Amino acid sequence: MAKKQMNWTNNAAILKVEHLDIEESQEFDLTEIFEEADNFNEVQLNVIVYGIKQKLADSCARSKDMTLTGAERVEQIAEVWERLKTGDWNQKGVERNTSAKKIKEAQANASPEELAVMKKLGLI
């Protein structure tokens, strides 16, 4: 099981994430997106907190070979929060850095011997 890297809490309309591996935290005021968040009932607030937390945490998800450092997680979450505040749910015009993309780039720069190894490993 993977080591827990983040701990999420909320106090009313303030969502907080603690990055356990770097002892840093970030706070997000939900009223920056939902002006009436201070007036939400418990169910409304929990639904919003759940969705925002899921979106921010998912933005840090990577495959095992592409994990983010604590500092990179902080930066990624901050970028997504700023985008959400402008009303953009998804980042526009950016290609994801996937394992398939890395393999394709490696293949383009590989020697014949390296290509043979990649083929033997079933990567190409």
N, C-alpha and C. Protein backbone atom coordinates (compact mmCIF):
# COMPACT_ATOMS: atom_id res chain seq x y z
N MET A 1 0.84 -1.18 0.00
CA MET A 1 0.00 0.00 0.00
C MET A 1 0.89 1.25 0.00
N ALA A 2 0.51 2.23 -0.79
CA ALA A 2 1.29 3.45 -0.90
C ALA A 2 1.20 4.27 0.38
N LYS A 3 2.29 4.96 0.69
CA LYS A 3 2.33 5.82 1.86
C LYS A 3 1.45 7.04 1.64
N LYS A 4 0.67 7.38 2.64
CA LYS A 4 -0.22 8.53 2.55
C LYS A 4 0.61 9.80 2.44
N GLN A 5 0.32 10.61 1.43
CA GLN A 5 1.09 11.82 1.18
C GLN A 5 0.34 13.09 1.56
N MET A 6 -0.99 13.01 1.59
CA MET A 6 -1.78 14.20 1.86
C MET A 6 -2.89 13.89 2.87
N ASN A 7 -3.20 14.87 3.69
CA ASN A 7 -4.31 14.78 4.62
C ASN A 7 -5.22 15.98 4.39
N TRP A 8 -6.48 15.72 4.09
CA TRP A 8 -7.45 16.78 3.76
C TRP A 8 -8.39 17.00 4.93
N THR A 9 -8.65 18.27 5.25
CA THR A 9 -9.64 18.63 6.27
C THR A 9 -10.37 19.88 5.79
N ASN A 10 -11.51 20.13 6.40
CA ASN A 10 -12.17 21.41 6.10
C ASN A 10 -12.81 21.95 7.36
N ASN A 11 -12.79 23.25 7.45
CA ASN A 11 -13.44 23.97 8.53
C ASN A 11 -14.34 24.98 7.85
N ALA A 12 -15.63 24.67 7.84
CA ALA A 12 -16.61 25.49 7.10
C ALA A 12 -16.17 25.55 5.64
N ALA A 13 -16.01 26.73 5.09
CA ALA A 13 -15.71 26.88 3.66
C ALA A 13 -14.22 26.94 3.37
N ILE A 14 -13.38 26.52 4.32
CA ILE A 14 -11.93 26.49 4.10
C ILE A 14 -11.51 25.03 3.98
N LEU A 15 -10.96 24.67 2.83
CA LEU A 15 -10.44 23.33 2.58
C LEU A 15 -8.94 23.38 2.76
N LYS A 16 -8.40 22.45 3.52
CA LYS A 16 -6.96 22.45 3.80
C LYS A 16 -6.37 21.10 3.44
N VAL A 17 -5.20 21.14 2.81
CA VAL A 17 -4.45 19.92 2.53
C VAL A 17 -3.08 20.04 3.18
N GLU A 18 -2.71 19.02 3.94
CA GLU A 18 -1.39 18.93 4.53
C GLU A 18 -0.58 17.93 3.71
N HIS A 19 0.58 18.36 3.24
CA HIS A 19 1.48 17.48 2.50
C HIS A 19 2.41 16.85 3.53
N LEU A 20 2.14 15.62 3.88
CA LEU A 20 2.79 14.97 5.01
C LEU A 20 4.28 14.74 4.80
N ASP A 21 4.70 14.54 3.58
CA ASP A 21 6.11 14.23 3.32
C ASP A 21 7.00 15.47 3.31
N ILE A 22 6.42 16.66 3.20
CA ILE A 22 7.24 17.87 3.18
C ILE A 22 6.80 18.88 4.24
N GLU A 23 5.89 18.48 5.10
CA GLU A 23 5.42 19.34 6.19
C GLU A 23 5.02 20.73 5.70
N GLU A 24 4.23 20.75 4.65
CA GLU A 24 3.70 22.00 4.10
C GLU A 24 2.20 21.82 3.94
N SER A 25 1.47 22.93 4.03
CA SER A 25 0.03 22.85 3.84
C SER A 25 -0.44 23.97 2.92
N GLN A 26 -1.63 23.76 2.36
CA GLN A 26 -2.28 24.74 1.51
C GLN A 26 -3.73 24.87 1.98
N GLU A 27 -4.26 26.09 1.90
CA GLU A 27 -5.65 26.32 2.25
C GLU A 27 -6.36 26.96 1.07
N PHE A 28 -7.62 26.55 0.89
CA PHE A 28 -8.43 27.03 -0.22
C PHE A 28 -9.77 27.51 0.32
N ASP A 29 -10.06 28.77 0.06
CA ASP A 29 -11.31 29.38 0.51
C ASP A 29 -12.36 29.14 -0.57
N LEU A 30 -13.31 28.29 -0.26
CA LEU A 30 -14.33 27.92 -1.25
C LEU A 30 -15.19 29.10 -1.69
N THR A 31 -15.22 30.17 -0.89
CA THR A 31 -15.99 31.35 -1.29
C THR A 31 -15.36 32.05 -2.49
N GLU A 32 -14.11 31.70 -2.82
CA GLU A 32 -13.47 32.25 -4.02
C GLU A 32 -14.11 31.68 -5.29
N ILE A 33 -14.75 30.54 -5.16
CA ILE A 33 -15.44 29.92 -6.30
C ILE A 33 -16.95 30.03 -6.11
N PHE A 34 -17.41 29.79 -4.88
CA PHE A 34 -18.83 29.83 -4.55
C PHE A 34 -19.02 30.93 -3.50
N GLU A 35 -19.48 32.10 -3.92
CA GLU A 35 -19.62 33.23 -3.01
C GLU A 35 -20.49 32.92 -1.80
N GLU A 36 -21.46 32.04 -1.98
CA GLU A 36 -22.39 31.71 -0.90
C GLU A 36 -21.96 30.49 -0.09
N ALA A 37 -20.74 30.02 -0.25
CA ALA A 37 -20.30 28.80 0.44
C ALA A 37 -20.44 28.89 1.95
N ASP A 38 -20.27 30.07 2.51
CA ASP A 38 -20.44 30.23 3.96
C ASP A 38 -21.87 29.94 4.41
N ASN A 39 -22.81 30.02 3.48
CA ASN A 39 -24.22 29.81 3.80
C ASN A 39 -24.73 28.43 3.41
N PHE A 40 -23.87 27.57 2.86
CA PHE A 40 -24.29 26.23 2.47
C PHE A 40 -24.65 25.42 3.71
N ASN A 41 -25.65 24.53 3.53
CA ASN A 41 -25.93 23.60 4.62
C ASN A 41 -24.86 22.51 4.60
N GLU A 42 -24.89 21.63 5.58
CA GLU A 42 -23.84 20.61 5.72
C GLU A 42 -23.72 19.71 4.49
N VAL A 43 -24.83 19.28 3.94
CA VAL A 43 -24.80 18.41 2.77
C VAL A 43 -24.21 19.15 1.57
N GLN A 44 -24.68 20.37 1.32
CA GLN A 44 -24.16 21.14 0.19
C GLN A 44 -22.65 21.35 0.32
N LEU A 45 -22.20 21.72 1.51
CA LEU A 45 -20.78 21.97 1.73
C LEU A 45 -19.97 20.70 1.56
N ASN A 46 -20.46 19.58 2.08
CA ASN A 46 -19.73 18.31 1.94
C ASN A 46 -19.63 17.87 0.48
N VAL A 47 -20.68 18.09 -0.29
CA VAL A 47 -20.63 17.73 -1.71
C VAL A 47 -19.58 18.58 -2.43
N ILE A 48 -19.57 19.87 -2.16
CA ILE A 48 -18.60 20.77 -2.79
C ILE A 48 -17.18 20.41 -2.36
N VAL A 49 -16.98 20.21 -1.07
CA VAL A 49 -15.65 19.85 -0.56
C VAL A 49 -15.17 18.56 -1.20
N TYR A 50 -16.05 17.57 -1.27
CA TYR A 50 -15.68 16.29 -1.86
C TYR A 50 -15.23 16.46 -3.31
N GLY A 51 -16.01 17.19 -4.09
CA GLY A 51 -15.68 17.37 -5.50
C GLY A 51 -14.40 18.16 -5.72
N ILE A 52 -14.22 19.24 -4.98
CA ILE A 52 -13.00 20.05 -5.12
C ILE A 52 -11.78 19.25 -4.68
N LYS A 53 -11.91 18.57 -3.54
CA LYS A 53 -10.80 17.74 -3.05
C LYS A 53 -10.43 16.67 -4.07
N GLN A 54 -11.43 16.01 -4.64
CA GLN A 54 -11.19 14.96 -5.63
C GLN A 54 -10.48 15.53 -6.86
N LYS A 55 -10.93 16.69 -7.32
CA LYS A 55 -10.32 17.32 -8.50
C LYS A 55 -8.87 17.68 -8.22
N LEU A 56 -8.61 18.29 -7.06
CA LEU A 56 -7.24 18.70 -6.73
C LEU A 56 -6.33 17.48 -6.54
N ALA A 57 -6.81 16.48 -5.82
CA ALA A 57 -6.00 15.28 -5.59
C ALA A 57 -5.75 14.52 -6.89
N ASP A 58 -6.79 14.39 -7.72
CA ASP A 58 -6.64 13.68 -9.00
C ASP A 58 -5.62 14.35 -9.91
N SER A 59 -5.47 15.66 -9.78
CA SER A 59 -4.50 16.36 -10.63
C SER A 59 -3.07 15.93 -10.34
N CYS A 60 -2.86 15.31 -9.19
CA CYS A 60 -1.52 14.86 -8.80
C CYS A 60 -1.29 13.38 -9.12
N ALA A 61 -2.31 12.71 -9.57
CA ALA A 61 -2.20 11.27 -9.84
C ALA A 61 -1.29 11.03 -11.04
N ARG A 62 -0.39 10.11 -10.87
CA ARG A 62 0.54 9.71 -11.93
C ARG A 62 0.72 8.20 -11.85
N SER A 63 1.30 7.64 -12.90
CA SER A 63 1.64 6.22 -12.84
C SER A 63 2.83 6.06 -11.90
N LYS A 64 3.11 4.83 -11.50
CA LYS A 64 4.19 4.57 -10.54
C LYS A 64 5.52 5.16 -10.97
N ASP A 65 5.79 5.15 -12.26
CA ASP A 65 7.09 5.63 -12.74
C ASP A 65 7.14 7.13 -12.94
N MET A 66 6.06 7.83 -12.61
CA MET A 66 6.02 9.28 -12.84
C MET A 66 5.48 10.02 -11.61
N THR A 67 5.86 9.61 -10.42
CA THR A 67 5.32 10.24 -9.23
C THR A 67 5.83 11.67 -9.08
N LEU A 68 5.03 12.50 -8.42
CA LEU A 68 5.40 13.89 -8.18
C LEU A 68 6.09 14.01 -6.82
N THR A 69 7.03 14.94 -6.71
CA THR A 69 7.60 15.26 -5.41
C THR A 69 6.57 16.08 -4.63
N GLY A 70 6.82 16.27 -3.36
CA GLY A 70 5.92 17.08 -2.56
C GLY A 70 5.78 18.49 -3.11
N ALA A 71 6.91 19.09 -3.48
CA ALA A 71 6.89 20.45 -4.03
C ALA A 71 6.12 20.50 -5.34
N GLU A 72 6.25 19.47 -6.18
CA GLU A 72 5.52 19.41 -7.44
C GLU A 72 4.02 19.27 -7.19
N ARG A 73 3.65 18.50 -6.14
CA ARG A 73 2.24 18.37 -5.78
C ARG A 73 1.66 19.71 -5.36
N VAL A 74 2.40 20.44 -4.53
CA VAL A 74 1.94 21.76 -4.07
C VAL A 74 1.70 22.66 -5.28
N GLU A 75 2.65 22.67 -6.21
CA GLU A 75 2.54 23.51 -7.41
C GLU A 75 1.36 23.07 -8.28
N GLN A 76 1.20 21.77 -8.47
CA GLN A 76 0.12 21.24 -9.30
C GLN A 76 -1.24 21.61 -8.72
N ILE A 77 -1.39 21.41 -7.42
CA ILE A 77 -2.67 21.72 -6.78
C ILE A 77 -2.96 23.21 -6.87
N ALA A 78 -1.94 24.04 -6.67
CA ALA A 78 -2.14 25.50 -6.76
C ALA A 78 -2.57 25.90 -8.17
N GLU A 79 -1.95 25.29 -9.19
CA GLU A 79 -2.31 25.60 -10.58
C GLU A 79 -3.76 25.23 -10.86
N VAL A 80 -4.18 24.06 -10.41
CA VAL A 80 -5.55 23.62 -10.66
C VAL A 80 -6.53 24.52 -9.90
N TRP A 81 -6.21 24.88 -8.67
CA TRP A 81 -7.08 25.78 -7.91
C TRP A 81 -7.26 27.10 -8.64
N GLU A 82 -6.16 27.68 -9.12
CA GLU A 82 -6.25 28.96 -9.83
C GLU A 82 -7.11 28.83 -11.09
N ARG A 83 -6.98 27.70 -11.77
CA ARG A 83 -7.79 27.46 -12.97
C ARG A 83 -9.27 27.33 -12.61
N LEU A 84 -9.56 26.63 -11.53
CA LEU A 84 -10.95 26.47 -11.09
C LEU A 84 -11.56 27.83 -10.74
N LYS A 85 -10.77 28.70 -10.13
CA LYS A 85 -11.28 30.03 -9.76
C LYS A 85 -11.65 30.85 -10.99
N THR A 86 -11.03 30.56 -12.13
CA THR A 86 -11.37 31.28 -13.36
C THR A 86 -12.53 30.64 -14.10
N GLY A 87 -13.01 29.49 -13.59
CA GLY A 87 -14.14 28.83 -14.22
C GLY A 87 -13.76 27.74 -15.20
N ASP A 88 -12.49 27.37 -15.27
CA ASP A 88 -12.04 26.31 -16.17
C ASP A 88 -11.87 25.01 -15.39
N TRP A 89 -12.63 23.99 -15.78
CA TRP A 89 -12.53 22.68 -15.12
C TRP A 89 -11.32 21.92 -15.64
N ASN A 90 -11.08 21.95 -16.94
CA ASN A 90 -9.96 21.23 -17.54
C ASN A 90 -8.98 22.18 -18.19
N GLN A 91 -7.72 21.82 -18.14
CA GLN A 91 -6.67 22.61 -18.76
C GLN A 91 -6.78 22.45 -20.27
N LYS A 92 -6.76 23.55 -20.98
CA LYS A 92 -6.95 23.53 -22.43
C LYS A 92 -5.60 23.48 -23.16
N GLY A 93 -5.56 22.67 -24.21
CA GLY A 93 -4.43 22.68 -25.13
C GLY A 93 -3.12 22.14 -24.59
N VAL A 94 -3.14 21.31 -23.55
CA VAL A 94 -1.91 20.76 -23.01
C VAL A 94 -1.94 19.25 -23.17
N GLU A 95 -0.90 18.73 -23.80
CA GLU A 95 -0.80 17.29 -23.98
C GLU A 95 -0.27 16.66 -22.69
N ARG A 96 -0.90 15.60 -22.25
CA ARG A 96 -0.47 14.92 -21.03
C ARG A 96 0.84 14.19 -21.26
N ASN A 97 1.66 14.17 -20.25
CA ASN A 97 2.95 13.48 -20.31
C ASN A 97 2.76 12.05 -19.84
N THR A 98 2.37 11.18 -20.76
CA THR A 98 2.06 9.80 -20.42
C THR A 98 3.25 8.89 -20.68
N SER A 99 3.16 7.67 -20.19
CA SER A 99 4.21 6.68 -20.44
C SER A 99 4.31 6.40 -21.93
N ALA A 100 3.17 6.34 -22.63
CA ALA A 100 3.18 6.10 -24.07
C ALA A 100 3.94 7.21 -24.81
N LYS A 101 3.74 8.44 -24.36
CA LYS A 101 4.46 9.56 -24.96
C LYS A 101 5.96 9.44 -24.72
N LYS A 102 6.34 9.04 -23.51
CA LYS A 102 7.76 8.86 -23.19
C LYS A 102 8.39 7.76 -24.05
N ILE A 103 7.65 6.68 -24.24
CA ILE A 103 8.16 5.58 -25.06
C ILE A 103 8.34 6.04 -26.50
N LYS A 104 7.37 6.79 -27.01
CA LYS A 104 7.46 7.29 -28.38
C LYS A 104 8.67 8.21 -28.55
N GLU A 105 8.92 9.08 -27.57
CA GLU A 105 10.08 9.96 -27.62
C GLU A 105 11.38 9.17 -27.55
N ALA A 106 11.41 8.18 -26.67
CA ALA A 106 12.61 7.34 -26.55
C ALA A 106 12.86 6.57 -27.85
N GLN A 107 11.80 6.10 -28.45
CA GLN A 107 11.90 5.36 -29.71
C GLN A 107 12.48 6.24 -30.81
N ALA A 108 12.07 7.49 -30.85
CA ALA A 108 12.54 8.41 -31.89
C ALA A 108 14.03 8.69 -31.76
N ASN A 109 14.58 8.59 -30.54
CA ASN A 109 15.99 8.91 -30.31
C ASN A 109 16.84 7.67 -30.07
N ALA A 110 16.26 6.50 -30.20
CA ALA A 110 16.96 5.26 -29.86
C ALA A 110 17.88 4.78 -30.97
N SER A 111 18.96 4.15 -30.54
CA SER A 111 19.87 3.49 -31.47
C SER A 111 19.24 2.17 -31.91
N PRO A 112 19.77 1.54 -32.96
CA PRO A 112 19.22 0.24 -33.37
C PRO A 112 19.24 -0.80 -32.24
N GLU A 113 20.31 -0.77 -31.43
CA GLU A 113 20.40 -1.71 -30.31
C GLU A 113 19.30 -1.43 -29.27
N GLU A 114 19.09 -0.15 -28.98
CA GLU A 114 18.06 0.21 -28.03
C GLU A 114 16.67 -0.14 -28.55
N LEU A 115 16.46 0.04 -29.85
CA LEU A 115 15.18 -0.34 -30.45
C LEU A 115 14.94 -1.83 -30.31
N ALA A 116 16.00 -2.62 -30.49
CA ALA A 116 15.88 -4.07 -30.35
C ALA A 116 15.47 -4.44 -28.92
N VAL A 117 16.05 -3.77 -27.93
CA VAL A 117 15.70 -4.04 -26.53
C VAL A 117 14.24 -3.62 -26.27
N MET A 118 13.84 -2.46 -26.79
CA MET A 118 12.48 -2.00 -26.60
C MET A 118 11.49 -2.98 -27.21
N LYS A 119 11.84 -3.51 -28.37
CA LYS A 119 10.96 -4.46 -29.05
C LYS A 119 10.89 -5.76 -28.25
N LYS A 120 12.04 -6.21 -27.75
CA LYS A 120 12.09 -7.44 -26.95
C LYS A 120 11.25 -7.30 -25.67
N LEU A 121 11.23 -6.10 -25.10
CA LEU A 121 10.45 -5.86 -23.89
C LEU A 121 8.95 -5.64 -24.18
N GLY A 122 8.62 -5.58 -25.46
CA GLY A 122 7.23 -5.38 -25.84
C GLY A 122 6.76 -3.94 -25.75
N LEU A 123 7.69 -2.99 -25.72
CA LEU A 123 7.33 -1.59 -25.63
C LEU A 123 6.94 -1.01 -26.97
N ILE A 124 7.46 -1.62 -28.03
CA ILE A 124 7.12 -1.14 -29.38
C ILE A 124 6.75 -2.33 -30.26
